[in-house]
């Protein structure tokens, strides 16, 4: 068998991670167009982009200069998988996709304003019988029990209380009259 560098072997090997799934690890060939190079130069010199975008630009530029995914990953302090993913997105979808993230789906609000107001009003009143103070867990269970909301989590209640600067577990009576 002839002497072949280990890295060259590793880059051409097809790894089987699970049955039916094969992933080929090979050298990433990224060739930037003249326009893309100019845009990278402007990005990297002005520094107005986010750190993530600048890091992706550096990754693509180093790949364009002929460095391997492992070298680029070491230079930029990211995983090789990240380097390959950025290169693949650039090759398949273009510069914008290679540099910027796709918008993430927006989660609908857990509570509408009417539900929030009703829960705040409930918290400003007396806690249920047998309870000295309101707790986040108690507020969540009582809101569902009193049908103020179909379902509500503790984190939603915590954020709601925080946004109104309420800490009902610290005080017996949350509602304050006048300024003292």
C-alpha atoms as a PDB file:
ATOM      1  CA  UNK A   1       0.000   0.000   0.000  1.00  0.00           C
ATOM      2  CA  UNK A   2       1.357   3.405  -0.901  1.00  0.00           C
ATOM      3  CA  UNK A   3       2.000   6.128   1.662  1.00  0.00           C
ATOM      4  CA  UNK A   4      -1.012   8.417   1.785  1.00  0.00           C
ATOM      5  CA  UNK A   5      -1.312  11.144   4.426  1.00  0.00           C
ATOM      6  CA  UNK A   6      -3.847  10.270   7.097  1.00  0.00           C
ATOM      7  CA  UNK A   7      -5.727  13.565   6.654  1.00  0.00           C
ATOM      8  CA  UNK A   8      -6.243  12.877   2.936  1.00  0.00           C
ATOM      9  CA  UNK A   9      -7.645   9.463   3.806  1.00  0.00           C
ATOM     10  CA  UNK A  10      -9.987  10.933   6.426  1.00  0.00           C
ATOM     11  CA  UNK A  11     -11.305  13.522   3.971  1.00  0.00           C
ATOM     12  CA  UNK A  12     -12.175  10.943   1.325  1.00  0.00           C
ATOM     13  CA  UNK A  13     -13.657   8.282   3.616  1.00  0.00           C
ATOM     14  CA  UNK A  14     -17.395   7.779   3.640  1.00  0.00           C
ATOM     15  CA  UNK A  15     -18.513   7.404   7.254  1.00  0.00           C
ATOM     16  CA  UNK A  16     -21.561   5.366   8.113  1.00  0.00           C
ATOM     17  CA  UNK A  17     -23.208   6.960  11.139  1.00  0.00           C
ATOM     18  CA  UNK A  18     -26.301   4.808  11.081  1.00  0.00           C
ATOM     19  CA  UNK A  19     -27.945   2.327   8.798  1.00  0.00           C
ATOM     20  CA  UNK A  20     -29.051   3.821   5.512  1.00  0.00           C
ATOM     21  CA  UNK A  21     -27.389   7.176   6.218  1.00  0.00           C
ATOM     22  CA  UNK A  22     -24.043   8.041   4.642  1.00  0.00           C
ATOM     23  CA  UNK A  23     -22.168  11.276   4.892  1.00  0.00           C
ATOM     24  CA  UNK A  24     -19.135  12.081   2.767  1.00  0.00           C
ATOM     25  CA  UNK A  25     -16.434  14.234   4.334  1.00  0.00           C
ATOM     26  CA  UNK A  26     -14.367  15.835   1.633  1.00  0.00           C
ATOM     27  CA  UNK A  27     -12.479  19.047   1.156  1.00  0.00           C
ATOM     28  CA  UNK A  28     -14.805  22.011   0.832  1.00  0.00           C
ATOM     29  CA  UNK A  29     -14.233  23.897  -2.417  1.00  0.00           C
ATOM     30  CA  UNK A  30     -15.682  27.356  -2.063  1.00  0.00           C
ATOM     31  CA  UNK A  31     -15.024  29.843  -4.818  1.00  0.00           C
ATOM     32  CA  UNK A  32     -16.201  33.343  -4.120  1.00  0.00           C
ATOM     33  CA  UNK A  33     -17.203  35.604  -6.959  1.00  0.00           C
ATOM     34  CA  UNK A  34     -15.667  39.037  -7.401  1.00  0.00           C
ATOM     35  CA  UNK A  35     -18.808  40.725  -6.054  1.00  0.00           C
ATOM     36  CA  UNK A  36     -18.839  38.466  -2.991  1.00  0.00           C
ATOM     37  CA  UNK A  37     -15.162  39.234  -2.274  1.00  0.00           C
ATOM     38  CA  UNK A  38     -15.851  42.970  -2.462  1.00  0.00           C
ATOM     39  CA  UNK A  39     -18.819  42.596  -0.124  1.00  0.00           C
ATOM     40  CA  UNK A  40     -16.676  40.592   2.348  1.00  0.00           C
ATOM     41  CA  UNK A  41     -13.972  43.247   2.231  1.00  0.00           C
ATOM     42  CA  UNK A  42     -16.503  45.974   3.020  1.00  0.00           C
ATOM     43  CA  UNK A  43     -18.060  43.909   5.814  1.00  0.00           C
ATOM     44  CA  UNK A  44     -14.777  43.059   7.468  1.00  0.00           C
ATOM     45  CA  UNK A  45     -13.360  46.594   7.285  1.00  0.00           C
ATOM     46  CA  UNK A  46     -16.461  48.491   8.412  1.00  0.00           C
ATOM     47  CA  UNK A  47     -17.431  46.138  11.243  1.00  0.00           C
ATOM     48  CA  UNK A  48     -21.115  47.040  11.233  1.00  0.00           C
ATOM     49  CA  UNK A  49     -22.375  43.472  11.020  1.00  0.00           C
ATOM     50  CA  UNK A  50     -23.006  41.179  13.965  1.00  0.00           C
ATOM     51  CA  UNK A  51     -20.216  38.938  15.228  1.00  0.00           C
ATOM     52  CA  UNK A  52     -21.994  35.870  13.817  1.00  0.00           C
ATOM     53  CA  UNK A  53     -22.173  37.330  10.317  1.00  0.00           C
ATOM     54  CA  UNK A  54     -18.530  38.422  10.449  1.00  0.00           C
ATOM     55  CA  UNK A  55     -17.488  34.949  11.619  1.00  0.00           C
ATOM     56  CA  UNK A  56     -19.373  33.346   8.713  1.00  0.00           C
ATOM     57  CA  UNK A  57     -17.701  35.788   6.300  1.00  0.00           C
ATOM     58  CA  UNK A  58     -14.284  34.836   7.697  1.00  0.00           C
ATOM     59  CA  UNK A  59     -15.122  31.152   7.319  1.00  0.00           C
ATOM     60  CA  UNK A  60     -16.120  31.566   3.676  1.00  0.00           C
ATOM     61  CA  UNK A  61     -13.093  33.736   2.916  1.00  0.00           C
ATOM     62  CA  UNK A  62     -10.678  31.201   4.428  1.00  0.00           C
ATOM     63  CA  UNK A  63     -12.333  28.364   2.518  1.00  0.00           C
ATOM     64  CA  UNK A  64     -11.990  30.442  -0.646  1.00  0.00           C
ATOM     65  CA  UNK A  65      -8.269  30.760   0.094  1.00  0.00           C
ATOM     66  CA  UNK A  66      -7.968  26.956  -0.032  1.00  0.00           C
ATOM     67  CA  UNK A  67      -7.908  26.045   3.650  1.00  0.00           C
ATOM     68  CA  UNK A  68      -9.535  22.821   4.812  1.00  0.00           C
ATOM     69  CA  UNK A  69     -12.608  22.738   7.019  1.00  0.00           C
ATOM     70  CA  UNK A  70     -10.451  21.557   9.949  1.00  0.00           C
ATOM     71  CA  UNK A  71      -8.005  24.451   9.518  1.00  0.00           C
ATOM     72  CA  UNK A  72     -10.788  27.012   9.267  1.00  0.00           C
ATOM     73  CA  UNK A  73     -12.565  25.523  12.292  1.00  0.00           C
ATOM     74  CA  UNK A  74      -9.354  25.838  14.303  1.00  0.00           C
ATOM     75  CA  UNK A  75      -8.726  29.413  13.125  1.00  0.00           C
ATOM     76  CA  UNK A  76     -12.240  30.670  13.819  1.00  0.00           C
ATOM     77  CA  UNK A  77     -12.931  28.499  16.906  1.00  0.00           C
ATOM     78  CA  UNK A  78     -15.994  26.683  15.597  1.00  0.00           C
ATOM     79  CA  UNK A  79     -16.752  23.029  14.897  1.00  0.00           C
ATOM     80  CA  UNK A  80     -15.861  21.527  11.513  1.00  0.00           C
ATOM     81  CA  UNK A  81     -19.529  20.684  11.085  1.00  0.00           C
ATOM     82  CA  UNK A  82     -20.346  24.391  11.343  1.00  0.00           C
ATOM     83  CA  UNK A  83     -17.784  25.235   8.668  1.00  0.00           C
ATOM     84  CA  UNK A  84     -19.233  22.594   6.344  1.00  0.00           C
ATOM     85  CA  UNK A  85     -22.797  23.769   6.978  1.00  0.00           C
ATOM     86  CA  UNK A  86     -21.942  27.388   6.159  1.00  0.00           C
ATOM     87  CA  UNK A  87     -20.063  26.333   3.006  1.00  0.00           C
ATOM     88  CA  UNK A  88     -22.939  24.093   1.910  1.00  0.00           C
ATOM     89  CA  UNK A  89     -25.493  26.869   2.437  1.00  0.00           C
ATOM     90  CA  UNK A  90     -23.337  29.271   0.431  1.00  0.00           C
ATOM     91  CA  UNK A  91     -22.895  26.780  -2.415  1.00  0.00           C
ATOM     92  CA  UNK A  92     -26.568  25.778  -2.556  1.00  0.00           C
ATOM     93  CA  UNK A  93     -28.387  29.020  -1.745  1.00  0.00           C
ATOM     94  CA  UNK A  94     -25.949  31.894  -2.245  1.00  0.00           C
ATOM     95  CA  UNK A  95     -24.263  34.596  -0.226  1.00  0.00           C
ATOM     96  CA  UNK A  96     -27.253  35.832   1.771  1.00  0.00           C
ATOM     97  CA  UNK A  97     -28.067  32.362   3.034  1.00  0.00           C
ATOM     98  CA  UNK A  98     -24.425  31.642   3.790  1.00  0.00           C
ATOM     99  CA  UNK A  99     -24.060  34.728   5.964  1.00  0.00           C
ATOM    100  CA  UNK A 100     -27.449  35.360   7.534  1.00  0.00           C
ATOM    101  CA  UNK A 101     -29.778  33.121   9.503  1.00  0.00           C
ATOM    102  CA  UNK A 102     -33.244  32.395   8.260  1.00  0.00           C
ATOM    103  CA  UNK A 103     -35.955  34.070  10.333  1.00  0.00           C
ATOM    104  CA  UNK A 104     -37.112  31.854  13.137  1.00  0.00           C
ATOM    105  CA  UNK A 105     -40.796  31.097  13.571  1.00  0.00           C
ATOM    106  CA  UNK A 106     -42.516  33.451  15.976  1.00  0.00           C
ATOM    107  CA  UNK A 107     -44.354  31.769  18.818  1.00  0.00           C
ATOM    108  CA  UNK A 108     -47.848  33.122  19.488  1.00  0.00           C
ATOM    109  CA  UNK A 109     -48.266  34.814  22.854  1.00  0.00           C
ATOM    110  CA  UNK A 110     -49.402  32.455  25.577  1.00  0.00           C
ATOM    111  CA  UNK A 111     -51.756  35.057  27.069  1.00  0.00           C
ATOM    112  CA  UNK A 112     -53.646  37.868  25.382  1.00  0.00           C
ATOM    113  CA  UNK A 113     -54.006  41.251  27.106  1.00  0.00           C
ATOM    114  CA  UNK A 114     -57.410  40.470  28.611  1.00  0.00           C
ATOM    115  CA  UNK A 115     -56.140  37.226  30.132  1.00  0.00           C
ATOM    116  CA  UNK A 116     -53.031  38.990  31.450  1.00  0.00           C
ATOM    117  CA  UNK A 117     -55.111  41.741  33.056  1.00  0.00           C
ATOM    118  CA  UNK A 118     -57.424  39.227  34.700  1.00  0.00           C
ATOM    119  CA  UNK A 119     -54.503  37.257  36.108  1.00  0.00           C
ATOM    120  CA  UNK A 120     -52.880  40.444  37.452  1.00  0.00           C
ATOM    121  CA  UNK A 121     -56.203  41.430  39.046  1.00  0.00           C
ATOM    122  CA  UNK A 122     -56.438  37.967  40.625  1.00  0.00           C
ATOM    123  CA  UNK A 123     -52.917  38.284  42.043  1.00  0.00           C
ATOM    124  CA  UNK A 124     -53.714  41.714  43.495  1.00  0.00           C
ATOM    125  CA  UNK A 125     -56.568  40.150  45.458  1.00  0.00           C
ATOM    126  CA  UNK A 126     -56.487  37.704  48.320  1.00  0.00           C
ATOM    127  CA  UNK A 127     -54.879  34.302  47.779  1.00  0.00           C
ATOM    128  CA  UNK A 128     -57.078  31.199  47.995  1.00  0.00           C
ATOM    129  CA  UNK A 129     -58.164  29.908  51.385  1.00  0.00           C
ATOM    130  CA  UNK A 130     -55.367  28.171  53.220  1.00  0.00           C
ATOM    131  CA  UNK A 131     -52.618  30.144  51.432  1.00  0.00           C
ATOM    132  CA  UNK A 132     -50.787  33.074  53.017  1.00  0.00           C
ATOM    133  CA  UNK A 133     -49.279  34.370  49.778  1.00  0.00           C
ATOM    134  CA  UNK A 134     -49.406  33.859  46.046  1.00  0.00           C
ATOM    135  CA  UNK A 135     -46.665  31.771  44.450  1.00  0.00           C
ATOM    136  CA  UNK A 136     -45.953  31.447  40.743  1.00  0.00           C
ATOM    137  CA  UNK A 137     -47.129  27.832  40.795  1.00  0.00           C
ATOM    138  CA  UNK A 138     -50.297  28.764  42.704  1.00  0.00           C
ATOM    139  CA  UNK A 139     -51.068  31.593  40.260  1.00  0.00           C
ATOM    140  CA  UNK A 140     -50.707  29.227  37.295  1.00  0.00           C
ATOM    141  CA  UNK A 141     -53.012  26.586  38.781  1.00  0.00           C
ATOM    142  CA  UNK A 142     -55.590  29.120  39.965  1.00  0.00           C
ATOM    143  CA  UNK A 143     -55.667  30.892  36.572  1.00  0.00           C
ATOM    144  CA  UNK A 144     -56.587  27.598  34.903  1.00  0.00           C
ATOM    145  CA  UNK A 145     -58.994  26.625  37.698  1.00  0.00           C
ATOM    146  CA  UNK A 146     -60.812  29.979  37.481  1.00  0.00           C
ATOM    147  CA  UNK A 147     -60.827  29.675  33.664  1.00  0.00           C
ATOM    148  CA  UNK A 148     -58.866  32.884  33.144  1.00  0.00           C
ATOM    149  CA  UNK A 149     -56.725  31.023  30.615  1.00  0.00           C
ATOM    150  CA  UNK A 150     -57.122  27.539  29.076  1.00  0.00           C
ATOM    151  CA  UNK A 151     -53.577  26.650  30.115  1.00  0.00           C
ATOM    152  CA  UNK A 152     -50.664  28.666  31.385  1.00  0.00           C
ATOM    153  CA  UNK A 153     -47.161  27.720  32.451  1.00  0.00           C
ATOM    154  CA  UNK A 154     -45.146  28.913  35.401  1.00  0.00           C
ATOM    155  CA  UNK A 155     -42.608  30.680  33.176  1.00  0.00           C
ATOM    156  CA  UNK A 156     -45.383  32.655  31.485  1.00  0.00           C
ATOM    157  CA  UNK A 157     -46.656  33.739  34.897  1.00  0.00           C
ATOM    158  CA  UNK A 158     -43.134  34.619  36.053  1.00  0.00           C
ATOM    159  CA  UNK A 159     -42.574  36.841  33.006  1.00  0.00           C
ATOM    160  CA  UNK A 160     -46.010  38.449  33.409  1.00  0.00           C
ATOM    161  CA  UNK A 161     -45.313  39.282  37.067  1.00  0.00           C
ATOM    162  CA  UNK A 162     -41.841  40.540  36.243  1.00  0.00           C
ATOM    163  CA  UNK A 163     -43.168  42.845  33.520  1.00  0.00           C
ATOM    164  CA  UNK A 164     -45.571  44.393  36.064  1.00  0.00           C
ATOM    165  CA  UNK A 165     -42.888  44.492  38.770  1.00  0.00           C
ATOM    166  CA  UNK A 166     -44.997  42.296  41.075  1.00  0.00           C
ATOM    167  CA  UNK A 167     -43.563  39.973  43.707  1.00  0.00           C
ATOM    168  CA  UNK A 168     -46.623  38.586  45.477  1.00  0.00           C
ATOM    169  CA  UNK A 169     -44.656  35.854  47.273  1.00  0.00           C
ATOM    170  CA  UNK A 170     -42.816  38.544  49.269  1.00  0.00           C
ATOM    171  CA  UNK A 171     -45.813  40.480  50.531  1.00  0.00           C
ATOM    172  CA  UNK A 172     -49.185  39.505  51.912  1.00  0.00           C
ATOM    173  CA  UNK A 173     -51.008  42.383  50.217  1.00  0.00           C
ATOM    174  CA  UNK A 174     -49.759  43.298  46.746  1.00  0.00           C
ATOM    175  CA  UNK A 175     -52.065  46.250  46.169  1.00  0.00           C
ATOM    176  CA  UNK A 176     -50.697  49.452  47.665  1.00  0.00           C
ATOM    177  CA  UNK A 177     -52.793  52.508  48.305  1.00  0.00           C
ATOM    178  CA  UNK A 178     -51.331  55.937  47.477  1.00  0.00           C
ATOM    179  CA  UNK A 179     -47.666  56.893  47.759  1.00  0.00           C
ATOM    180  CA  UNK A 180     -46.079  57.073  51.167  1.00  0.00           C
END
